[in-house]
């Protein structure tokens, strides 16, 4: 199947061509673990989890990596406020984030590297940039020479000259240029490491490059993803370092998801409308939050509101009802659930192959639900068709990350259902009502 991706590096839709046939190496920037993540951090989680499941479903061997930034000024500040070691803070919030992943029906990445685990590689990487004159040391701080990268700004479509005009000049700065960014920060505050330049810790922009370089041989991957806010300067600076070190742009395809607005306003601390993922998932449920996040194309902003969540809840109820009816009908006639791709799933896959168009994929899913309702109403039941529709919906829900439960009937349940159908057909309304209540209580009807 031909897959198309909007490549942020070229600003156009491109046919996806992996570096290695049928294999996909994908890296997505993960959270800085100093607090509960906000709901906006769930957007890349959902986007790239869906993309990963889709690619795997159509036959790709996907290696999915997403990191934890477990050394940062915010972590150190949090540790000092709570009078706890940084490691205790990061362990707690990594566990909290993994709970969020589970609750929003996302698979754990294949690899979840932590910055603190790659310190020797980070120091060696920076040392090589210093030796090749792409970086310089001043009094224990190490900076990257941005002007040595001729096409710096190509991801975000910015020019060095424009950045220089808008840069704030600090007279006391030791940097050669205001655009040069930190690779190593000299400090004795909080967690730190020995290095050839000073005791300190790495700059944020270097960490992901080194982890990619270490986990994926050669330092060039197929897809690098993250939120639109990371495009500049974080991803731009990752590319600059990769070009200096590996002579490549780190990834062949760059994908960036849009922001989340709260009730049509940008989420921000100043507006007081920041919602944590933990609170949103606890209050509204993983299915509803996930459905809301995939209802809009990943590159567009998505609005997070109570009204929209209520609408999603209604949709989830309809999805649950149709899966329950299909599953019960098949078990009533002792039909084994089908495995493998169904004849009804192709339009859904085509929608996702078109730059992960989840909104169109949801439309195709609703078309299958309509077919399922029609099939169940037929006088002459076509169990093969019902099984195909059940299998299709099951796979579509899995790819989209919507967890729809359906009953598995025991022999006692089947006998109760048979008695109910017999009472209903013989117009024994009192008995059928009694049996119907029992079946509803068991969530079979």
Protein backbone atom coordinates (compact mmCIF):
# COMPACT_ATOMS: atom_id res chain seq x y z
CA UNK A 1 0.00 0.00 0.00
CA UNK A 2 1.33 3.45 -0.94
CA UNK A 3 1.64 5.70 2.11
CA UNK A 4 1.84 9.48 1.79
CA UNK A 5 3.22 11.84 4.45
CA UNK A 6 3.33 15.61 4.70
CA UNK A 7 7.06 16.16 5.19
CA UNK A 8 7.68 19.27 7.31
CA UNK A 9 11.22 19.40 5.94
CA UNK A 10 10.06 19.91 2.35
CA UNK A 11 6.58 21.30 3.11
CA UNK A 12 4.86 18.93 0.73
CA UNK A 13 3.08 15.59 0.60
CA UNK A 14 5.53 12.82 -0.31
CA UNK A 15 5.25 9.09 -0.96
CA UNK A 16 6.87 7.35 2.00
CA UNK A 17 10.00 5.42 1.03
CA UNK A 18 11.69 3.77 4.04
CA UNK A 19 15.48 3.52 4.23
CA UNK A 20 15.22 -0.26 4.61
CA UNK A 21 12.47 -2.20 2.86
CA UNK A 22 9.46 -2.91 5.07
CA UNK A 23 11.17 -1.39 8.12
CA UNK A 24 10.38 1.93 9.77
CA UNK A 25 12.56 3.66 12.35
CA UNK A 26 10.56 6.38 14.12
CA UNK A 27 11.51 8.73 16.96
CA UNK A 28 9.12 11.06 18.78
CA UNK A 29 10.21 13.60 21.38
CA UNK A 30 8.89 12.64 24.80
CA UNK A 31 8.11 14.63 27.96
CA UNK A 32 10.32 16.40 30.48
CA UNK A 33 9.33 14.55 33.63
CA UNK A 34 9.00 17.15 36.39
CA UNK A 35 5.20 17.26 36.71
CA UNK A 36 2.03 15.71 35.31
CA UNK A 37 1.97 16.34 31.55
CA UNK A 38 -0.79 18.56 30.16
CA UNK A 39 -3.39 17.39 27.68
CA UNK A 40 -1.41 18.94 24.81
CA UNK A 41 1.35 16.38 25.44
CA UNK A 42 -1.16 13.65 24.60
CA UNK A 43 -1.59 14.88 21.03
CA UNK A 44 1.75 13.51 19.74
CA UNK A 45 1.22 10.38 21.84
CA UNK A 46 -2.09 9.67 20.10
CA UNK A 47 -0.97 10.78 16.63
CA UNK A 48 2.15 8.66 16.47
CA UNK A 49 0.67 5.69 18.32
CA UNK A 50 -2.06 5.60 15.66
CA UNK A 51 0.50 5.93 12.87
CA UNK A 52 2.63 3.17 14.39
CA UNK A 53 -0.36 0.79 14.64
CA UNK A 54 -1.40 1.58 11.08
CA UNK A 55 2.07 0.99 9.65
CA UNK A 56 2.39 -2.26 11.59
CA UNK A 57 -1.04 -3.39 10.39
CA UNK A 58 -0.16 -2.94 6.72
CA UNK A 59 3.05 -4.94 7.10
CA UNK A 60 5.88 -2.68 8.25
CA UNK A 61 8.28 -3.69 11.00
CA UNK A 62 8.20 -0.52 13.11
CA UNK A 63 10.79 0.41 15.73
CA UNK A 64 9.25 3.21 17.76
CA UNK A 65 11.37 5.22 20.19
CA UNK A 66 10.27 8.04 22.49
CA UNK A 67 12.48 9.50 25.21
CA UNK A 68 12.21 10.85 28.72
CA UNK A 69 14.08 14.05 29.49
CA UNK A 70 15.08 13.28 33.08
CA UNK A 71 17.67 16.05 33.57
CA UNK A 72 16.54 19.65 33.26
CA UNK A 73 16.39 22.94 35.18
CA UNK A 74 12.66 22.39 35.82
CA UNK A 75 13.35 18.99 37.36
CA UNK A 76 16.08 20.43 39.58
CA UNK A 77 13.80 23.26 40.70
CA UNK A 78 10.99 20.81 41.46
CA UNK A 79 13.36 18.58 43.46
CA UNK A 80 14.56 21.55 45.49
CA UNK A 81 10.97 22.68 46.20
CA UNK A 82 10.04 19.22 47.47
CA UNK A 83 13.42 18.55 49.10
CA UNK A 84 13.75 15.28 47.20
CA UNK A 85 16.43 13.86 44.87
CA UNK A 86 15.88 14.45 41.14
CA UNK A 87 15.68 10.69 40.52
CA UNK A 88 12.69 10.35 42.85
CA UNK A 89 10.90 13.17 41.01
CA UNK A 90 11.56 11.70 37.56
CA UNK A 91 10.63 8.14 38.56
CA UNK A 92 7.29 9.33 39.94
CA UNK A 93 6.34 11.32 36.85
CA UNK A 94 7.57 8.68 34.41
CA UNK A 95 5.21 6.23 36.12
CA UNK A 96 2.42 8.85 35.95
CA UNK A 97 3.05 9.35 32.23
CA UNK A 98 3.02 5.59 31.60
CA UNK A 99 -0.34 5.44 33.37
CA UNK A 100 -1.57 8.16 30.98
CA UNK A 101 -0.33 6.08 28.02
CA UNK A 102 -2.26 3.07 29.27
CA UNK A 103 -5.41 5.08 29.97
CA UNK A 104 -5.43 6.66 26.51
CA UNK A 105 -4.98 3.21 24.91
CA UNK A 106 -1.46 3.84 23.58
CA UNK A 107 1.20 1.17 23.30
CA UNK A 108 4.46 1.74 25.13
CA UNK A 109 7.30 2.64 22.73
CA UNK A 110 9.73 -0.14 21.89
CA UNK A 111 12.50 1.88 23.54
CA UNK A 112 12.13 4.68 26.11
CA UNK A 113 15.64 6.09 26.58
CA UNK A 114 16.41 8.44 29.45
CA UNK A 115 18.96 11.20 29.05
CA UNK A 116 20.82 10.18 32.23
CA UNK A 117 21.48 6.76 30.69
CA UNK A 118 23.34 8.28 27.71
CA UNK A 119 25.67 10.74 29.41
CA UNK A 120 28.93 9.15 28.22
CA UNK A 121 27.63 9.15 24.62
CA UNK A 122 26.48 12.78 24.96
CA UNK A 123 29.89 13.90 26.22
CA UNK A 124 31.67 11.99 23.43
CA UNK A 125 29.32 13.53 20.85
CA UNK A 126 29.96 17.08 22.07
CA UNK A 127 33.69 16.39 22.22
CA UNK A 128 33.67 15.39 18.56
CA UNK A 129 31.83 18.60 17.61
CA UNK A 130 34.46 20.62 19.48
CA UNK A 131 37.28 18.77 17.74
CA UNK A 132 35.74 19.40 14.31
CA UNK A 133 35.27 23.11 15.10
CA UNK A 134 31.47 22.99 15.08
CA UNK A 135 31.46 23.80 18.79
CA UNK A 136 33.63 25.79 21.17
CA UNK A 137 34.33 25.87 24.89
CA UNK A 138 34.36 29.12 26.86
CA UNK A 139 35.04 28.86 30.58
CA UNK A 140 33.44 25.40 30.81
CA UNK A 141 30.33 26.17 28.73
CA UNK A 142 30.19 24.63 25.25
CA UNK A 143 28.26 26.26 22.38
CA UNK A 144 27.37 25.17 18.85
CA UNK A 145 28.46 27.41 15.95
CA UNK A 146 25.17 27.89 14.11
CA UNK A 147 26.70 29.91 11.26
CA UNK A 148 28.76 26.87 10.20
CA UNK A 149 25.54 25.20 9.03
CA UNK A 150 24.81 26.74 5.64
CA UNK A 151 21.17 25.68 5.45
CA UNK A 152 20.32 26.32 9.11
CA UNK A 153 16.64 27.16 9.38
CA UNK A 154 15.50 24.89 6.53
CA UNK A 155 12.95 23.05 8.68
CA UNK A 156 11.29 26.17 10.05
CA UNK A 157 11.91 28.33 6.95
CA UNK A 158 13.92 30.89 8.86
CA UNK A 159 17.13 32.62 7.77
CA UNK A 160 20.17 33.26 9.90
CA UNK A 161 20.18 36.93 8.81
CA UNK A 162 16.60 37.39 10.02
CA UNK A 163 17.34 35.64 13.29
CA UNK A 164 20.36 37.86 13.85
CA UNK A 165 18.29 40.99 13.27
CA UNK A 166 15.74 39.85 15.83
CA UNK A 167 18.25 38.47 18.33
CA UNK A 168 18.69 40.16 21.69
CA UNK A 169 22.34 41.03 22.18
CA UNK A 170 23.68 40.45 25.65
CA UNK A 171 26.80 42.57 26.13
CA UNK A 172 28.07 40.19 28.77
CA UNK A 173 27.53 37.07 26.69
CA UNK A 174 30.61 35.00 26.05
CA UNK A 175 29.09 33.46 22.90
CA UNK A 176 30.58 34.24 19.49
CA UNK A 177 27.05 34.73 18.12
CA UNK A 178 23.68 35.26 19.85
CA UNK A 179 22.35 32.35 17.78
CA UNK A 180 24.82 29.79 19.14
CA UNK A 181 23.06 27.34 21.45
CA UNK A 182 24.31 25.47 24.49
CA UNK A 183 25.65 21.95 24.20
CA UNK A 184 27.10 21.75 27.72
CA UNK A 185 26.26 23.94 30.70
CA UNK A 186 28.77 24.44 33.50
CA UNK A 187 26.99 24.16 36.85
CA UNK A 188 27.22 22.72 40.30
CA UNK A 189 23.51 23.12 41.01
CA UNK A 190 21.54 19.90 41.00
CA UNK A 191 22.58 16.71 39.24
CA UNK A 192 25.77 17.07 37.17
CA UNK A 193 28.56 15.10 35.54
CA UNK A 194 32.30 15.45 34.97
CA UNK A 195 33.34 16.33 31.41
CA UNK A 196 36.47 17.56 29.57
CA UNK A 197 35.16 21.15 29.92
CA UNK A 198 33.57 21.34 33.36
CA UNK A 199 31.28 19.70 35.85
CA UNK A 200 27.82 20.26 34.45
CA UNK A 201 25.01 18.85 32.34
CA UNK A 202 24.02 18.77 28.65
CA UNK A 203 21.86 21.20 26.71
CA UNK A 204 18.39 19.99 25.76
CA UNK A 205 18.92 20.18 21.99
CA UNK A 206 21.78 17.65 22.06
CA UNK A 207 20.06 14.90 23.98
CA UNK A 208 17.66 13.58 21.33
CA UNK A 209 20.32 13.63 18.59
CA UNK A 210 22.65 11.49 20.68
CA UNK A 211 19.96 9.01 21.66
CA UNK A 212 18.91 8.63 18.02
CA UNK A 213 22.57 8.23 17.05
CA UNK A 214 23.05 5.54 19.69
CA UNK A 215 19.85 3.56 19.15
CA UNK A 216 19.73 3.74 15.34
CA UNK A 217 23.08 2.95 13.69
CA UNK A 218 24.16 5.65 11.25
CA UNK A 219 22.08 8.39 12.88
CA UNK A 220 19.57 8.64 10.01
CA UNK A 221 16.01 7.54 10.68
CA UNK A 222 12.86 7.41 8.60
CA UNK A 223 10.51 9.58 10.67
CA UNK A 224 11.06 12.14 13.42
CA UNK A 225 7.91 13.44 15.06
CA UNK A 226 6.72 15.84 17.71
CA UNK A 227 4.56 18.85 18.39
CA UNK A 228 4.61 21.90 16.13
CA UNK A 229 6.13 23.93 18.98
CA UNK A 230 9.32 21.83 18.77
CA UNK A 231 9.96 22.71 15.14
CA UNK A 232 12.06 25.74 16.13
CA UNK A 233 14.47 25.82 17.78
CA UNK A 234 14.59 22.25 19.12
CA UNK A 235 14.26 20.23 15.92
CA UNK A 236 16.15 22.82 13.91
CA UNK A 237 19.06 22.50 16.33
CA UNK A 238 18.87 18.72 16.21
CA UNK A 239 19.27 18.87 12.43
CA UNK A 240 22.21 21.27 12.72
CA UNK A 241 24.08 18.93 15.05
CA UNK A 242 23.29 15.88 12.93
CA UNK A 243 24.59 17.61 9.82
CA UNK A 244 27.76 18.56 11.67
CA UNK A 245 28.28 15.07 13.08
CA UNK A 246 26.74 12.68 10.52
CA UNK A 247 26.39 14.92 7.43
CA UNK A 248 22.65 14.18 7.27
CA UNK A 249 19.40 15.81 8.40
CA UNK A 250 18.71 13.18 11.07
CA UNK A 251 15.42 12.04 9.49
CA UNK A 252 14.08 11.74 5.95
CA UNK A 253 10.56 12.70 7.04
CA UNK A 254 9.60 15.19 9.74
CA UNK A 255 6.03 15.16 11.07
CA UNK A 256 4.57 17.81 13.38
CA UNK A 257 1.17 17.76 15.04
CA UNK A 258 -0.93 20.86 15.76
CA UNK A 259 -1.80 22.40 19.10
CA UNK A 260 -4.74 21.77 21.42
CA UNK A 261 -7.02 24.70 22.24
CA UNK A 262 -9.23 24.74 25.34
CA UNK A 263 -12.74 26.00 24.53
CA UNK A 264 -11.35 27.74 21.42
CA UNK A 265 -8.56 29.48 23.34
CA UNK A 266 -4.88 28.60 23.27
CA UNK A 267 -3.95 26.62 26.35
CA UNK A 268 -1.59 28.65 28.55
CA UNK A 269 -0.70 29.13 32.20
CA UNK A 270 -1.44 32.87 31.94
CA UNK A 271 -5.05 32.11 30.95
CA UNK A 272 -5.33 29.50 33.68
CA UNK A 273 -6.80 26.91 31.30
CA UNK A 274 -4.09 24.23 31.44
CA UNK A 275 -5.59 20.75 31.87
CA UNK A 276 -3.38 17.84 32.87
CA UNK A 277 -3.70 14.58 30.97
CA UNK A 278 -4.17 12.82 34.32
CA UNK A 279 -7.23 14.95 35.16
CA UNK A 280 -8.72 14.80 31.66
CA UNK A 281 -8.41 11.02 31.44
CA UNK A 282 -9.74 10.51 34.97
CA UNK A 283 -12.72 12.79 34.36
CA UNK A 284 -13.66 11.98 30.75
CA UNK A 285 -12.15 8.54 30.06
CA UNK A 286 -9.49 7.45 27.61
CA UNK A 287 -11.87 6.57 24.78
CA UNK A 288 -13.56 9.98 24.78
CA UNK A 289 -10.31 11.94 24.97
CA UNK A 290 -8.69 9.82 22.29
CA UNK A 291 -11.68 10.08 19.94
CA UNK A 292 -11.65 13.86 20.34
CA UNK A 293 -7.93 14.04 19.53
CA UNK A 294 -8.22 11.95 16.34
CA UNK A 295 -11.41 13.62 15.11
CA UNK A 296 -9.31 16.41 13.58
CA UNK A 297 -6.42 15.96 11.13
CA UNK A 298 -3.18 15.79 13.09
CA UNK A 299 -1.66 18.90 11.46
CA UNK A 300 -4.65 21.09 12.38
CA UNK A 301 -5.39 22.49 15.85
CA UNK A 302 -7.97 20.53 17.83
CA UNK A 303 -10.47 22.11 20.21
CA UNK A 304 -10.92 20.50 23.62
CA UNK A 305 -14.31 21.29 25.13
CA UNK A 306 -16.99 19.70 27.28
CA UNK A 307 -19.56 19.78 24.45
CA UNK A 308 -17.21 17.96 22.09
CA UNK A 309 -16.34 15.39 24.75
CA UNK A 310 -20.05 14.78 25.36
CA UNK A 311 -20.51 14.21 21.61
CA UNK A 312 -17.58 11.77 21.67
CA UNK A 313 -19.19 9.92 24.57
CA UNK A 314 -22.36 9.47 22.50
CA UNK A 315 -20.29 8.12 19.60
CA UNK A 316 -18.46 5.67 21.88
CA UNK A 317 -21.85 4.41 23.14
CA UNK A 318 -22.98 3.76 19.55
CA UNK A 319 -19.72 1.98 18.76
CA UNK A 320 -20.04 -0.18 21.86
CA UNK A 321 -23.65 -1.09 21.04
CA UNK A 322 -22.90 -2.24 17.51
CA UNK A 323 -19.88 -4.32 18.57
CA UNK A 324 -21.96 -5.94 21.32
CA UNK A 325 -24.77 -6.80 18.87
CA UNK A 326 -22.37 -8.26 16.31
CA UNK A 327 -20.46 -10.28 18.91
CA UNK A 328 -23.64 -11.64 20.50
CA UNK A 329 -25.12 -12.61 17.13
CA UNK A 330 -22.00 -14.56 16.16
CA UNK A 331 -21.79 -16.35 19.51
CA UNK A 332 -25.50 -17.11 19.43
CA UNK A 333 -24.83 -19.24 16.34
CA UNK A 334 -21.44 -20.53 17.62
CA UNK A 335 -19.49 -18.77 14.87
CA UNK A 336 -15.78 -18.32 15.61
CA UNK A 337 -14.60 -14.75 15.33
CA UNK A 338 -12.72 -14.16 12.07
CA UNK A 339 -9.06 -13.19 11.99
CA UNK A 340 -7.19 -11.37 9.24
CA UNK A 341 -7.97 -8.39 7.08
CA UNK A 342 -11.59 -7.98 6.08
CA UNK A 343 -13.00 -7.02 2.69
CA UNK A 344 -14.55 -3.92 4.27
CA UNK A 345 -11.38 -2.32 5.69
CA UNK A 346 -9.64 -1.03 2.55
CA UNK A 347 -11.27 2.46 2.43
CA UNK A 348 -10.35 2.98 6.08
CA UNK A 349 -6.70 2.04 5.42
CA UNK A 350 -6.63 4.28 2.34
CA UNK A 351 -7.70 7.24 4.48
CA UNK A 352 -4.87 6.64 6.94
CA UNK A 353 -2.40 6.12 4.09
CA UNK A 354 -3.24 9.66 2.94
CA UNK A 355 -1.11 11.57 5.49
CA UNK A 356 -2.77 9.87 8.44
CA UNK A 357 -6.19 11.37 7.78
CA UNK A 358 -7.92 10.12 10.92
CA UNK A 359 -11.03 12.27 10.38
CA UNK A 360 -11.65 10.56 7.02
CA UNK A 361 -10.81 7.19 8.59
CA UNK A 362 -13.51 7.81 11.20
CA UNK A 363 -15.98 8.54 8.41
CA UNK A 364 -15.11 5.19 6.83
CA UNK A 365 -15.55 3.50 10.22
CA UNK A 366 -19.04 5.01 10.50
CA UNK A 367 -19.83 3.64 7.03
CA UNK A 368 -18.97 0.15 8.30
CA UNK A 369 -21.21 0.71 11.33
CA UNK A 370 -24.08 1.58 8.95
CA UNK A 371 -23.44 -1.63 6.99
CA UNK A 372 -23.41 -3.58 10.25
CA UNK A 373 -26.78 -2.14 11.32
CA UNK A 374 -28.23 -3.03 7.92
CA UNK A 375 -26.82 -6.55 8.09
CA UNK A 376 -28.26 -7.15 11.56
CA UNK A 377 -31.73 -6.04 10.40
CA UNK A 378 -31.83 -8.48 7.48
CA UNK A 379 -34.49 -11.18 7.74
CA UNK A 380 -32.06 -13.82 6.49
CA UNK A 381 -28.95 -13.42 8.61
CA UNK A 382 -25.64 -13.60 6.68
CA UNK A 383 -23.27 -14.74 9.42
CA UNK A 384 -20.25 -14.55 7.13
CA UNK A 385 -20.96 -10.88 6.40
CA UNK A 386 -21.59 -10.14 10.07
CA UNK A 387 -18.29 -11.78 10.96
CA UNK A 388 -16.47 -9.72 8.33
CA UNK A 389 -18.03 -6.52 9.67
CA UNK A 390 -17.17 -7.45 13.26
CA UNK A 391 -13.56 -8.21 12.27
CA UNK A 392 -13.31 -4.93 10.35
CA UNK A 393 -14.56 -2.81 13.24
CA UNK A 394 -12.37 -4.65 15.72
CA UNK A 395 -9.26 -3.88 13.64
CA UNK A 396 -10.29 -0.29 12.99
CA UNK A 397 -10.87 0.38 16.67
CA UNK A 398 -7.49 -1.13 17.50
CA UNK A 399 -5.62 1.02 14.98
CA UNK A 400 -7.38 4.19 16.15
CA UNK A 401 -6.76 3.25 19.78
CA UNK A 402 -10.42 3.08 20.81
CA UNK A 403 -10.96 0.31 23.33
CA UNK A 404 -14.44 -1.14 22.69
CA UNK A 405 -15.48 -4.03 24.93
CA UNK A 406 -17.94 -6.72 23.89
CA UNK A 407 -19.33 -9.70 25.83
CA UNK A 408 -17.99 -13.22 25.64
CA UNK A 409 -20.93 -15.53 26.25
CA UNK A 410 -20.80 -18.52 28.56
CA UNK A 411 -22.93 -21.61 27.89
CA UNK A 412 -25.33 -20.28 30.53
CA UNK A 413 -25.52 -16.92 28.70
CA UNK A 414 -26.28 -18.65 25.41
CA UNK A 415 -29.04 -20.70 27.02
CA UNK A 416 -30.53 -17.55 28.55
CA UNK A 417 -30.42 -15.81 25.16
CA UNK A 418 -32.09 -18.80 23.49
CA UNK A 419 -34.87 -18.77 26.09
CA UNK A 420 -35.35 -15.04 25.55
CA UNK A 421 -35.64 -15.41 21.77
CA UNK A 422 -38.10 -18.30 22.19
CA UNK A 423 -40.26 -16.32 24.62
CA UNK A 424 -40.20 -13.30 22.32
CA UNK A 425 -41.15 -15.33 19.22
CA UNK A 426 -44.01 -17.07 21.10
CA UNK A 427 -45.20 -13.65 22.35
CA UNK A 428 -44.76 -14.58 25.99
CA UNK A 429 -44.14 -10.94 26.89
CA UNK A 430 -43.96 -11.37 30.65
CA UNK A 431 -41.23 -14.00 30.39
CA UNK A 432 -39.37 -12.20 27.59
CA UNK A 433 -39.33 -8.99 29.65
CA UNK A 434 -37.97 -10.88 32.65
CA UNK A 435 -35.25 -12.56 30.57
CA UNK A 436 -34.46 -9.33 28.77
CA UNK A 437 -33.75 -7.61 32.09
CA UNK A 438 -31.33 -10.39 33.03
CA UNK A 439 -29.56 -10.09 29.66
CA UNK A 440 -29.30 -6.30 30.03
CA UNK A 441 -27.84 -6.69 33.51
CA UNK A 442 -25.21 -9.00 31.99
CA UNK A 443 -24.62 -6.41 29.24
CA UNK A 444 -25.58 -8.92 26.57
CA UNK A 445 -28.50 -6.82 25.31
